[in-house]
Amino acid sequence: MTAEAREAGPPPGSAMDGGRALRIALLTYKGNPFCGGQGVYVRHLSRELVRLGHRVEVIGAQPYPVLDEGEDLEGLRLTELPSLDLYRQPDPFRTPKRDEYRDWVDALEVATMWTGGFPEPVTFSLRARRHLRARRGAFDVIHDNQTLGYGLLGDLGAPLVTTIHHPITVDRQLELDAAADWKRRASVRRWYAFTRMQKRVARRLPSIVTVSGTSRQEIVDHLGVRPQRINVVHIGADTDLFSPDPAVPEVPGRIVTTSSADVPLKGLIHLVEALAKARTEHPDAHLVVVGKRPEEGPVAAAVERYGLEGAIEFVKGISDAELVDLVRSAQVACVPSLYEGFSLPAAEAMATGTPLLATTGGAIPEVAGADGETCLAVPPGDPGALAAGLGRLLGDAELRARLGAAGRARVLDRFTWARAAQGTVERYRAAMDCSPGPVPVRAAAPREAAPAAALPEVAGSHHESRTPC
């Protein structure tokens, strides 16, 4: 698409691809773009879908999505579908007052929390089902952003396309592996009980989009979805926002990462250990973590053990502009994750021209590219390899400049939100052409099933399947 065509916009009633402009419902049970990749996905994808000429209604629960605004985004709106917001700050795991309960879905939400589970995927799906059925005919296609709840099975009034970024079973296994004792393992199993539902629902969905080839294989292996029903549409970086700026001074020794401190999957503990090693040769090396400072846990203990209190800074709640300037100012951007389904932080750092040090966990190599060409790549969970990579980059300005330039070129060529939106619309149109119902699946065991009133009228064996048309 040329810049002139995009600026002129599509003819009335049509989209940039020449097809009919679509009315899209984009569902997200948790949409805050400042606390997770799913919120970032909803924000940027919705914007680019509207710029292609479509109308997008984002339907979300707390924390509500933050959507972009502008004269070219009149076709974008947010509909709030509130939960009881049981995990809000400053009173997470709260018990609602009696007058807060509206219906049996609210009671289910509280009861699941009381038993140590995570209710939001199933309860949001039930509320979304009720909302969509009441507005039958309002949408041409429904796009679910990894809710994978029972309520989204059956007839919703429009074809359903579902994005699975990666199976949450991966997170579950990593947390079980990191659990210190049987009590912690039992707690992890209770919290992730919703993944049983997500596996059943995924097998019944006719059209699944994922963000990388690695995630596609994980969905096949972990969720049992047939590969012909999964299509890869890469996501990307906002390359206008995340761009080089020579006016931002480089801070010697600065390393930047984005991480949830004590989520084992993110591998921050290994980067803390690597920083301690790297500082023996580069005393000015210091780490800025975009994320909440842990008051206790493995990362906090490691910071104290290695005497790094003055060498690690945690920042939270910064604006987009502040985040971009922070990444621009770093000599190294690091993704130490044990696994990623895509890794937006890697793509965004590369888009700024900041050299990237990343592990080979999950789909990160798909994004970051080859070791020594567009990044430095090291095995996941290896503090020594991370420390060696930090040392190489901090000590070699020429290497940093070469990798930074090659990284940005890779992102511009492969990973932009405009390309992601175009690929997603292709999946919408394919789903509308096929418009099959969900794949029948064996009923859930009684103790794990959603309430009968919530489930669609579908029966059969989970071994049955429909292939795309």
Protein backbone atom coordinates (compact mmCIF):
# COMPACT_ATOMS: atom_id res chain seq x y z
CA MET A 1 0.00 0.00 0.00
CA THR A 2 1.43 3.39 -0.95
CA ALA A 3 1.61 6.29 1.48
CA GLU A 4 -0.62 8.31 -0.82
CA ALA A 5 -3.31 5.62 -0.86
CA ARG A 6 -3.23 5.30 2.90
CA GLU A 7 -3.53 9.07 3.39
CA ALA A 8 -6.42 9.32 0.93
CA GLY A 9 -8.26 6.46 2.61
CA PRO A 10 -10.57 3.87 1.05
CA PRO A 11 -13.73 4.74 -0.87
CA PRO A 12 -16.91 4.94 1.25
CA GLY A 13 -18.07 1.48 2.35
CA SER A 14 -14.87 -0.27 1.27
CA ALA A 15 -11.50 -1.01 2.86
CA MET A 16 -7.94 -0.54 1.67
CA ASP A 17 -7.83 -4.08 0.28
CA GLY A 18 -10.77 -3.32 -2.01
CA GLY A 19 -13.20 -5.47 -0.05
CA ARG A 20 -16.20 -4.38 1.96
CA ALA A 21 -15.44 -2.47 5.15
CA LEU A 22 -16.04 -4.74 8.14
CA ARG A 23 -17.72 -4.20 11.48
CA ILE A 24 -15.37 -5.89 13.96
CA ALA A 25 -15.92 -6.77 17.62
CA LEU A 26 -12.52 -7.15 19.31
CA LEU A 27 -12.79 -8.86 22.70
CA THR A 28 -10.18 -8.58 25.44
CA TYR A 29 -10.74 -9.75 29.01
CA LYS A 30 -7.70 -7.75 30.21
CA GLY A 31 -6.64 -4.86 28.03
CA ASN A 32 -4.37 -2.42 29.84
CA PRO A 33 -1.52 -1.68 27.38
CA PHE A 34 0.88 -0.82 30.21
CA CYS A 35 0.83 -4.22 31.94
CA GLY A 36 1.08 -6.90 29.29
CA GLY A 37 1.46 -7.78 25.65
CA GLN A 38 -2.24 -8.49 25.14
CA GLY A 39 -3.15 -4.88 25.88
CA VAL A 40 -0.48 -3.65 23.48
CA TYR A 41 -1.88 -6.00 20.84
CA VAL A 42 -5.42 -4.65 21.19
CA ARG A 43 -4.35 -1.02 21.15
CA HIS A 44 -2.18 -1.17 18.04
CA LEU A 45 -4.18 -3.71 16.05
CA SER A 46 -7.45 -1.82 16.57
CA ARG A 47 -5.85 1.41 15.37
CA GLU A 48 -4.44 -0.12 12.22
CA LEU A 49 -7.67 -1.96 11.41
CA VAL A 50 -9.52 1.35 11.47
CA ARG A 51 -6.87 2.95 9.28
CA LEU A 52 -7.52 0.19 6.76
CA GLY A 53 -11.13 1.38 6.56
CA HIS A 54 -12.89 -0.92 9.04
CA ARG A 55 -14.99 -0.12 12.11
CA VAL A 56 -13.73 -1.64 15.35
CA GLU A 57 -15.52 -1.88 18.66
CA VAL A 58 -13.22 -3.06 21.44
CA ILE A 59 -15.19 -4.83 24.15
CA GLY A 60 -13.14 -5.22 27.30
CA ALA A 61 -13.04 -5.62 31.05
CA GLN A 62 -10.85 -4.06 33.72
CA PRO A 63 -8.17 -2.89 33.41
CA TYR A 64 -9.88 -1.30 30.43
CA PRO A 65 -8.00 -0.94 27.15
CA VAL A 66 -6.49 2.44 26.31
CA LEU A 67 -7.19 3.13 22.66
CA ASP A 68 -5.54 5.63 20.35
CA GLU A 69 -7.43 8.74 19.28
CA GLY A 70 -7.33 10.98 16.23
CA GLU A 71 -9.32 12.32 13.32
CA ASP A 72 -8.50 9.18 11.31
CA LEU A 73 -9.81 6.92 14.10
CA GLU A 74 -13.48 7.86 14.22
CA GLY A 75 -14.36 4.23 13.51
CA LEU A 76 -12.80 3.06 16.79
CA ARG A 77 -14.74 2.84 20.06
CA LEU A 78 -14.53 1.14 23.45
CA THR A 79 -17.40 -0.69 25.13
CA GLU A 80 -16.80 -1.48 28.78
CA LEU A 81 -17.98 -4.89 29.98
CA PRO A 82 -17.18 -4.66 33.68
CA SER A 83 -16.16 -7.51 35.92
CA LEU A 84 -16.01 -7.26 39.71
CA ASP A 85 -12.33 -6.28 39.29
CA LEU A 86 -11.21 -8.54 42.11
CA TYR A 87 -7.48 -8.01 41.54
CA ARG A 88 -7.41 -4.24 41.40
CA GLN A 89 -4.95 -2.18 43.42
CA PRO A 90 -4.71 -1.34 46.26
CA ASP A 91 -7.04 -4.16 47.43
CA PRO A 92 -6.38 -7.28 45.33
CA PHE A 93 -8.30 -10.46 46.18
CA ARG A 94 -11.03 -8.34 47.73
CA THR A 95 -14.47 -9.65 48.70
CA PRO A 96 -17.19 -7.53 47.06
CA LYS A 97 -19.99 -5.97 49.07
CA ARG A 98 -23.44 -7.50 48.76
CA ASP A 99 -24.81 -4.71 46.57
CA GLU A 100 -22.03 -5.24 44.00
CA TYR A 101 -23.41 -8.63 42.89
CA ARG A 102 -25.50 -8.36 39.72
CA ASP A 103 -26.05 -11.96 38.65
CA TRP A 104 -24.82 -15.55 38.88
CA VAL A 105 -21.71 -14.77 36.79
CA ASP A 106 -20.55 -12.40 39.54
CA ALA A 107 -21.09 -15.16 42.10
CA LEU A 108 -19.04 -17.55 39.94
CA GLU A 109 -16.25 -14.97 39.72
CA VAL A 110 -16.02 -14.60 43.50
CA ALA A 111 -16.35 -18.31 44.21
CA THR A 112 -13.50 -19.14 41.79
CA MET A 113 -11.26 -16.54 43.44
CA TRP A 114 -12.09 -17.89 46.91
CA THR A 115 -10.92 -21.35 45.85
CA GLY A 116 -7.59 -20.01 44.55
CA GLY A 117 -8.47 -20.00 40.85
CA PHE A 118 -8.38 -17.27 38.20
CA PRO A 119 -11.96 -16.60 37.04
CA GLU A 120 -11.62 -13.79 34.49
CA PRO A 121 -11.37 -15.81 31.25
CA VAL A 122 -14.56 -17.78 31.89
CA THR A 123 -16.60 -14.96 33.45
CA PHE A 124 -15.65 -12.46 30.74
CA SER A 125 -16.57 -14.99 28.07
CA LEU A 126 -20.01 -15.49 29.62
CA ARG A 127 -20.65 -11.75 29.81
CA ALA A 128 -19.37 -11.29 26.26
CA ARG A 129 -21.66 -14.06 25.00
CA ARG A 130 -24.69 -12.39 26.55
CA HIS A 131 -23.65 -9.00 25.16
CA LEU A 132 -23.01 -10.26 21.63
CA ARG A 133 -26.22 -12.27 21.43
CA ALA A 134 -28.19 -9.20 22.49
CA ARG A 135 -26.60 -7.30 19.58
CA ARG A 136 -26.96 -9.95 16.91
CA GLY A 137 -26.33 -8.45 13.48
CA ALA A 138 -24.16 -5.61 14.77
CA PHE A 139 -20.88 -7.21 13.68
CA ASP A 140 -19.51 -8.99 10.61
CA VAL A 141 -16.81 -10.80 12.59
CA ILE A 142 -15.87 -11.31 16.23
CA HIS A 143 -12.20 -11.43 17.22
CA ASP A 144 -11.34 -12.87 20.63
CA ASN A 145 -7.98 -11.97 22.11
CA GLN A 146 -7.11 -15.20 23.97
CA THR A 147 -10.07 -15.37 26.35
CA LEU A 148 -10.76 -18.97 25.26
CA GLY A 149 -13.73 -19.21 27.58
CA TYR A 150 -16.73 -21.52 27.39
CA GLY A 151 -19.04 -18.58 26.70
CA LEU A 152 -17.50 -18.04 23.27
CA LEU A 153 -18.59 -21.42 21.94
CA GLY A 154 -21.72 -21.79 19.89
CA ASP A 155 -23.63 -19.17 17.90
CA LEU A 156 -22.50 -15.63 18.75
CA GLY A 157 -24.19 -13.99 15.78
CA ALA A 158 -21.04 -13.66 13.63
CA PRO A 159 -17.99 -15.77 12.69
CA LEU A 160 -15.34 -16.01 15.40
CA VAL A 161 -11.58 -15.60 14.94
CA THR A 162 -9.39 -16.18 18.00
CA THR A 163 -5.85 -15.01 18.68
CA ILE A 164 -3.71 -17.26 20.88
CA HIS A 165 -0.42 -15.51 21.59
CA HIS A 166 0.95 -18.66 23.17
CA PRO A 167 -0.56 -21.42 25.31
CA ILE A 168 -0.71 -20.37 28.97
CA THR A 169 0.17 -23.97 29.77
CA VAL A 170 3.77 -22.94 29.04
CA ASP A 171 3.64 -20.35 31.84
CA ARG A 172 2.03 -22.92 34.12
CA GLN A 173 4.80 -25.47 33.58
CA LEU A 174 7.57 -22.92 34.13
CA GLU A 175 5.98 -21.79 37.40
CA LEU A 176 5.59 -25.39 38.54
CA ASP A 177 9.26 -26.03 37.73
CA ALA A 178 10.26 -22.99 39.79
CA ALA A 179 8.01 -23.80 42.78
CA ALA A 180 9.94 -24.26 46.00
CA ASP A 181 7.62 -26.78 47.70
CA TRP A 182 4.39 -28.75 47.37
CA LYS A 183 2.31 -25.89 48.77
CA ARG A 184 3.49 -23.54 46.05
CA ARG A 185 2.91 -26.21 43.38
CA ALA A 186 -0.64 -26.75 44.64
CA SER A 187 -1.25 -23.00 44.51
CA VAL A 188 0.05 -22.79 40.93
CA ARG A 189 -2.20 -25.66 39.84
CA ARG A 190 -5.26 -24.00 41.37
CA TRP A 191 -4.48 -20.63 39.77
CA TYR A 192 -3.95 -22.13 36.33
CA ALA A 193 -7.00 -24.41 36.48
CA PHE A 194 -8.55 -22.27 33.73
CA THR A 195 -6.05 -23.72 31.24
CA ARG A 196 -8.11 -26.93 31.18
CA MET A 197 -11.01 -24.90 29.87
CA GLN A 198 -8.81 -23.10 27.37
CA LYS A 199 -7.57 -26.42 25.99
CA ARG A 200 -11.12 -27.68 25.47
CA VAL A 201 -12.29 -24.43 23.91
CA ALA A 202 -9.27 -24.13 21.59
CA ARG A 203 -9.98 -27.55 20.09
CA ARG A 204 -13.48 -26.41 19.11
CA LEU A 205 -12.54 -23.15 17.45
CA PRO A 206 -12.71 -23.00 13.64
CA SER A 207 -10.18 -20.18 13.08
CA ILE A 208 -7.11 -19.47 15.21
CA VAL A 209 -4.49 -16.78 14.62
CA THR A 210 -1.15 -16.85 16.39
CA VAL A 211 1.86 -14.58 16.32
CA SER A 212 4.75 -16.90 15.45
CA GLY A 213 5.62 -20.28 14.05
CA THR A 214 6.87 -21.33 17.48
CA SER A 215 3.53 -20.47 19.08
CA ARG A 216 1.75 -22.36 16.33
CA GLN A 217 3.66 -25.52 17.19
CA GLU A 218 3.10 -24.98 20.92
CA ILE A 219 -0.66 -24.67 20.29
CA VAL A 220 -0.60 -27.97 18.42
CA ASP A 221 1.50 -29.71 21.09
CA HIS A 222 -0.06 -28.25 24.25
CA LEU A 223 -3.67 -27.64 23.26
CA GLY A 224 -4.20 -30.40 20.71
CA VAL A 225 -5.44 -28.07 17.96
CA ARG A 226 -5.11 -29.38 14.43
CA PRO A 227 -2.41 -27.38 12.60
CA GLN A 228 -4.53 -26.64 9.53
CA ARG A 229 -6.80 -24.45 11.67
CA ILE A 230 -3.94 -22.22 12.87
CA ASN A 231 -2.55 -19.32 10.84
CA VAL A 232 0.49 -17.20 11.72
CA VAL A 233 0.14 -13.42 11.51
CA HIS A 234 3.22 -11.72 12.93
CA ILE A 235 2.66 -8.69 15.11
CA GLY A 236 5.13 -5.84 15.32
CA ALA A 237 6.40 -2.58 16.67
CA ASP A 238 5.07 0.92 16.28
CA THR A 239 7.98 1.94 14.08
CA ASP A 240 6.96 5.61 14.02
CA LEU A 241 7.13 5.79 17.81
CA PHE A 242 9.98 3.33 18.33
CA SER A 243 12.56 4.91 16.08
CA PRO A 244 16.16 6.14 16.41
CA ASP A 245 16.78 9.68 17.64
CA PRO A 246 20.41 10.86 17.67
CA ALA A 247 19.37 13.74 19.96
CA VAL A 248 18.86 11.30 22.84
CA PRO A 249 22.26 10.81 24.49
CA GLU A 250 23.56 7.29 25.04
CA VAL A 251 24.15 6.53 28.72
CA PRO A 252 27.38 4.56 29.24
CA GLY A 253 26.77 1.13 30.72
CA ARG A 254 22.96 1.33 30.55
CA ILE A 255 21.09 -1.94 29.96
CA VAL A 256 17.29 -1.91 29.58
CA THR A 257 14.82 -4.75 29.91
CA THR A 258 11.06 -5.12 30.27
CA SER A 259 10.07 -7.74 32.79
CA SER A 260 7.65 -8.93 35.44
CA ALA A 261 10.13 -9.45 38.24
CA ASP A 262 9.23 -12.84 39.70
CA VAL A 263 7.51 -14.45 36.72
CA PRO A 264 9.96 -17.30 35.98
CA LEU A 265 9.19 -17.19 32.26
CA LYS A 266 10.73 -13.70 31.97
CA GLY A 267 14.15 -14.81 33.23
CA LEU A 268 14.97 -11.61 35.11
CA ILE A 269 16.76 -13.54 37.84
CA HIS A 270 19.32 -14.71 35.27
CA LEU A 271 19.89 -11.17 34.01
CA VAL A 272 20.51 -9.95 37.58
CA GLU A 273 23.15 -12.64 38.02
CA ALA A 274 24.65 -11.75 34.63
CA LEU A 275 24.83 -8.07 35.60
CA ALA A 276 26.84 -8.96 38.70
CA LYS A 277 29.33 -10.86 36.54
CA ALA A 278 29.49 -8.14 33.87
CA ARG A 279 30.25 -5.41 36.41
CA THR A 280 33.57 -7.05 37.26
CA GLU A 281 34.84 -5.87 33.85
CA HIS A 282 32.42 -2.99 33.24
CA PRO A 283 31.87 -1.23 36.58
CA ASP A 284 29.53 1.33 35.05
CA ALA A 285 27.12 -1.38 33.85
CA HIS A 286 23.66 -0.84 35.32
CA LEU A 287 20.19 -2.16 34.61
CA VAL A 288 16.89 -0.32 34.19
CA VAL A 289 13.89 -2.66 34.46
CA VAL A 290 10.57 -1.51 33.05
CA GLY A 291 8.36 -3.18 35.63
CA LYS A 292 7.42 -3.20 39.29
CA ARG A 293 10.18 -3.44 41.90
CA PRO A 294 9.85 -6.69 43.87
CA GLU A 295 9.80 -6.28 47.63
CA GLU A 296 10.58 -9.95 48.19
CA GLY A 297 11.14 -13.13 46.19
CA PRO A 298 14.04 -14.51 44.11
CA VAL A 299 14.86 -11.29 42.25
CA ALA A 300 14.85 -9.12 45.38
CA ALA A 301 17.03 -11.70 47.14
CA ALA A 302 19.48 -11.80 44.23
CA VAL A 303 19.76 -8.00 44.12
CA GLU A 304 20.66 -8.00 47.81
CA ARG A 305 22.96 -11.02 47.56
CA TYR A 306 25.07 -9.47 44.80
CA GLY A 307 25.03 -5.96 46.27
CA LEU A 308 23.27 -4.46 43.24
CA GLU A 309 20.90 -2.06 45.00
CA GLY A 310 22.58 0.94 43.35
CA ALA A 311 23.01 -0.75 39.98
CA ILE A 312 19.38 -1.74 39.26
CA GLU A 313 16.48 0.67 38.86
CA PHE A 314 12.84 -0.29 38.40
CA VAL A 315 10.49 2.10 36.62
CA LYS A 316 6.74 1.73 36.25
CA GLY A 317 3.91 3.80 34.83
CA ILE A 318 6.03 5.77 32.38
CA SER A 319 4.57 7.23 29.21
CA ASP A 320 5.22 5.87 25.72
CA ALA A 321 7.54 8.78 25.00
CA GLU A 322 9.50 8.16 28.21
CA LEU A 323 9.77 4.46 27.42
CA VAL A 324 11.09 5.12 23.92
CA ASP A 325 13.70 7.59 25.16
CA LEU A 326 14.75 5.13 27.85
CA VAL A 327 15.36 2.41 25.24
CA ARG A 328 17.13 4.89 22.94
CA SER A 329 19.47 5.89 25.76
CA ALA A 330 20.59 2.32 26.47
CA GLN A 331 23.73 0.75 25.11
CA VAL A 332 22.07 -2.66 25.31
CA ALA A 333 18.45 -3.84 25.26
CA CYS A 334 18.08 -7.30 26.76
CA VAL A 335 15.36 -9.97 26.56
CA PRO A 336 16.39 -12.69 29.05
CA SER A 337 13.15 -14.70 28.81
CA LEU A 338 13.05 -18.45 29.06
CA TYR A 339 10.16 -18.42 26.58
CA GLU A 340 8.23 -15.89 24.51
CA GLY A 341 5.41 -16.42 22.07
CA PHE A 342 6.68 -13.42 20.08
CA SER A 343 8.48 -10.74 22.18
CA LEU A 344 7.26 -7.22 21.55
CA PRO A 345 10.07 -5.77 23.71
CA ALA A 346 12.60 -7.29 21.30
CA ALA A 347 10.88 -5.83 18.24
CA GLU A 348 10.46 -2.42 19.86
CA ALA A 349 14.09 -2.23 20.99
CA MET A 350 15.29 -3.22 17.53
CA ALA A 351 13.03 -0.58 15.98
CA THR A 352 14.80 2.15 17.98
CA GLY A 353 18.18 0.99 16.66
CA THR A 354 19.29 -0.15 20.13
CA PRO A 355 21.43 -3.32 19.92
CA LEU A 356 19.69 -6.39 21.27
CA LEU A 357 20.95 -9.20 23.46
CA ALA A 358 18.30 -11.94 23.61
CA THR A 359 17.90 -15.57 24.50
CA THR A 360 16.75 -18.21 22.06
CA GLY A 361 13.69 -19.03 24.18
CA GLY A 362 10.50 -19.78 22.26
CA ALA A 363 9.85 -17.48 19.30
CA ILE A 364 12.51 -14.88 20.14
CA PRO A 365 14.82 -15.99 17.29
CA GLU A 366 11.94 -15.50 14.81
CA VAL A 367 11.82 -11.87 15.88
CA ALA A 368 15.44 -11.09 16.70
CA GLY A 369 17.08 -12.89 13.79
CA ALA A 370 20.46 -14.57 13.55
CA ASP A 371 23.17 -14.31 16.17
CA GLY A 372 25.80 -11.79 15.14
CA GLU A 373 23.69 -10.36 12.31
CA THR A 374 20.75 -8.55 13.91
CA CYS A 375 21.32 -9.40 17.58
CA LEU A 376 23.47 -11.37 19.97
CA ALA A 377 21.71 -14.63 20.88
CA VAL A 378 22.38 -16.78 23.94
CA PRO A 379 20.74 -19.90 25.44
CA PRO A 380 17.87 -19.27 27.88
CA GLY A 381 18.55 -19.63 31.58
CA ASP A 382 22.33 -19.14 31.25
CA PRO A 383 23.63 -16.17 33.32
CA GLY A 384 27.21 -16.78 32.14
CA ALA A 385 26.21 -16.49 28.48
CA LEU A 386 24.17 -13.35 29.23
CA ALA A 387 27.15 -11.83 31.04
CA ALA A 388 29.45 -12.59 28.10
CA GLY A 389 26.97 -10.97 25.70
CA LEU A 390 26.68 -7.88 27.87
CA GLY A 391 30.46 -7.63 28.00
CA ARG A 392 30.80 -7.88 24.22
CA LEU A 393 28.26 -5.18 23.53
CA LEU A 394 29.32 -2.77 26.28
CA GLY A 395 32.91 -3.01 25.08
CA ASP A 396 32.38 -2.67 21.32
CA ALA A 397 30.75 0.48 19.93
CA GLU A 398 31.15 -0.69 16.34
CA LEU A 399 29.30 -3.94 17.07
CA ARG A 400 26.52 -2.00 18.79
CA ALA A 401 26.08 0.30 15.79
CA ARG A 402 26.05 -2.56 13.29
CA LEU A 403 23.54 -4.68 15.19
CA GLY A 404 21.34 -1.68 15.94
CA ALA A 405 21.04 -0.67 12.29
CA ALA A 406 20.46 -4.26 11.11
CA GLY A 407 17.84 -4.80 13.80
CA ARG A 408 15.78 -1.79 12.78
CA ALA A 409 15.95 -2.81 9.12
CA ARG A 410 14.64 -6.28 10.06
CA VAL A 411 11.67 -4.85 11.96
CA LEU A 412 10.74 -2.43 9.18
CA ASP A 413 10.80 -5.29 6.70
CA ARG A 414 8.85 -7.87 8.72
CA PHE A 415 7.20 -6.64 11.91
CA THR A 416 4.91 -3.62 11.70
CA TRP A 417 1.36 -3.18 12.96
CA ALA A 418 0.13 -2.19 9.49
CA ARG A 419 1.28 -5.56 8.14
CA ALA A 420 -0.28 -7.31 11.14
CA ALA A 421 -3.63 -5.63 10.49
CA GLN A 422 -3.58 -6.58 6.81
CA GLY A 423 -2.86 -10.21 7.64
CA THR A 424 -5.57 -10.26 10.30
CA VAL A 425 -8.18 -8.93 7.88
CA GLU A 426 -7.32 -11.77 5.51
CA ARG A 427 -8.19 -14.21 8.30
CA TYR A 428 -11.46 -12.34 8.98
CA ARG A 429 -12.53 -12.63 5.36
CA ALA A 430 -11.56 -16.32 5.24
CA ALA A 431 -13.60 -16.98 8.38
CA MET A 432 -16.58 -15.15 6.92
CA ASP A 433 -16.33 -17.19 3.72
CA CYS A 434 -16.19 -20.44 5.67
CA SER A 435 -18.36 -19.47 8.64
CA PRO A 436 -18.31 -22.94 10.22
CA GLY A 437 -19.56 -23.61 13.69
CA PRO A 438 -17.28 -24.71 16.52
CA VAL A 439 -15.68 -28.12 16.43
CA PRO A 440 -17.65 -30.57 18.62
CA VAL A 441 -15.75 -31.76 21.68
CA ARG A 442 -16.31 -34.14 24.56
CA ALA A 443 -18.14 -32.49 27.45
CA ALA A 444 -16.07 -31.31 30.41
CA ALA A 445 -15.99 -33.27 33.63
CA PRO A 446 -18.64 -31.92 36.03
CA ARG A 447 -16.17 -30.40 38.49
CA GLU A 448 -14.43 -28.41 35.75
CA ALA A 449 -17.39 -27.47 33.59
CA ALA A 450 -18.93 -24.04 33.32
CA PRO A 451 -22.50 -23.81 34.63
CA ALA A 452 -24.94 -25.48 32.28
CA ALA A 453 -26.73 -22.24 31.47
CA ALA A 454 -23.49 -20.85 30.07
CA LEU A 455 -22.62 -23.63 27.67
CA PRO A 456 -23.72 -23.69 24.03
CA GLU A 457 -25.87 -26.47 22.70
CA VAL A 458 -23.00 -28.49 21.16
CA ALA A 459 -22.23 -32.14 21.76
CA GLY A 460 -19.91 -34.79 20.42
CA SER A 461 -16.38 -36.07 20.68
CA HIS A 462 -13.25 -33.90 20.82
CA HIS A 463 -11.71 -36.16 18.17
CA GLU A 464 -14.07 -34.76 15.56
CA SER A 465 -12.80 -31.78 13.57
CA ARG A 466 -13.59 -29.53 10.68
CA THR A 467 -10.93 -28.36 8.31
CA PRO A 468 -10.89 -24.84 6.84
CA CYS A 469 -12.72 -24.32 3.55
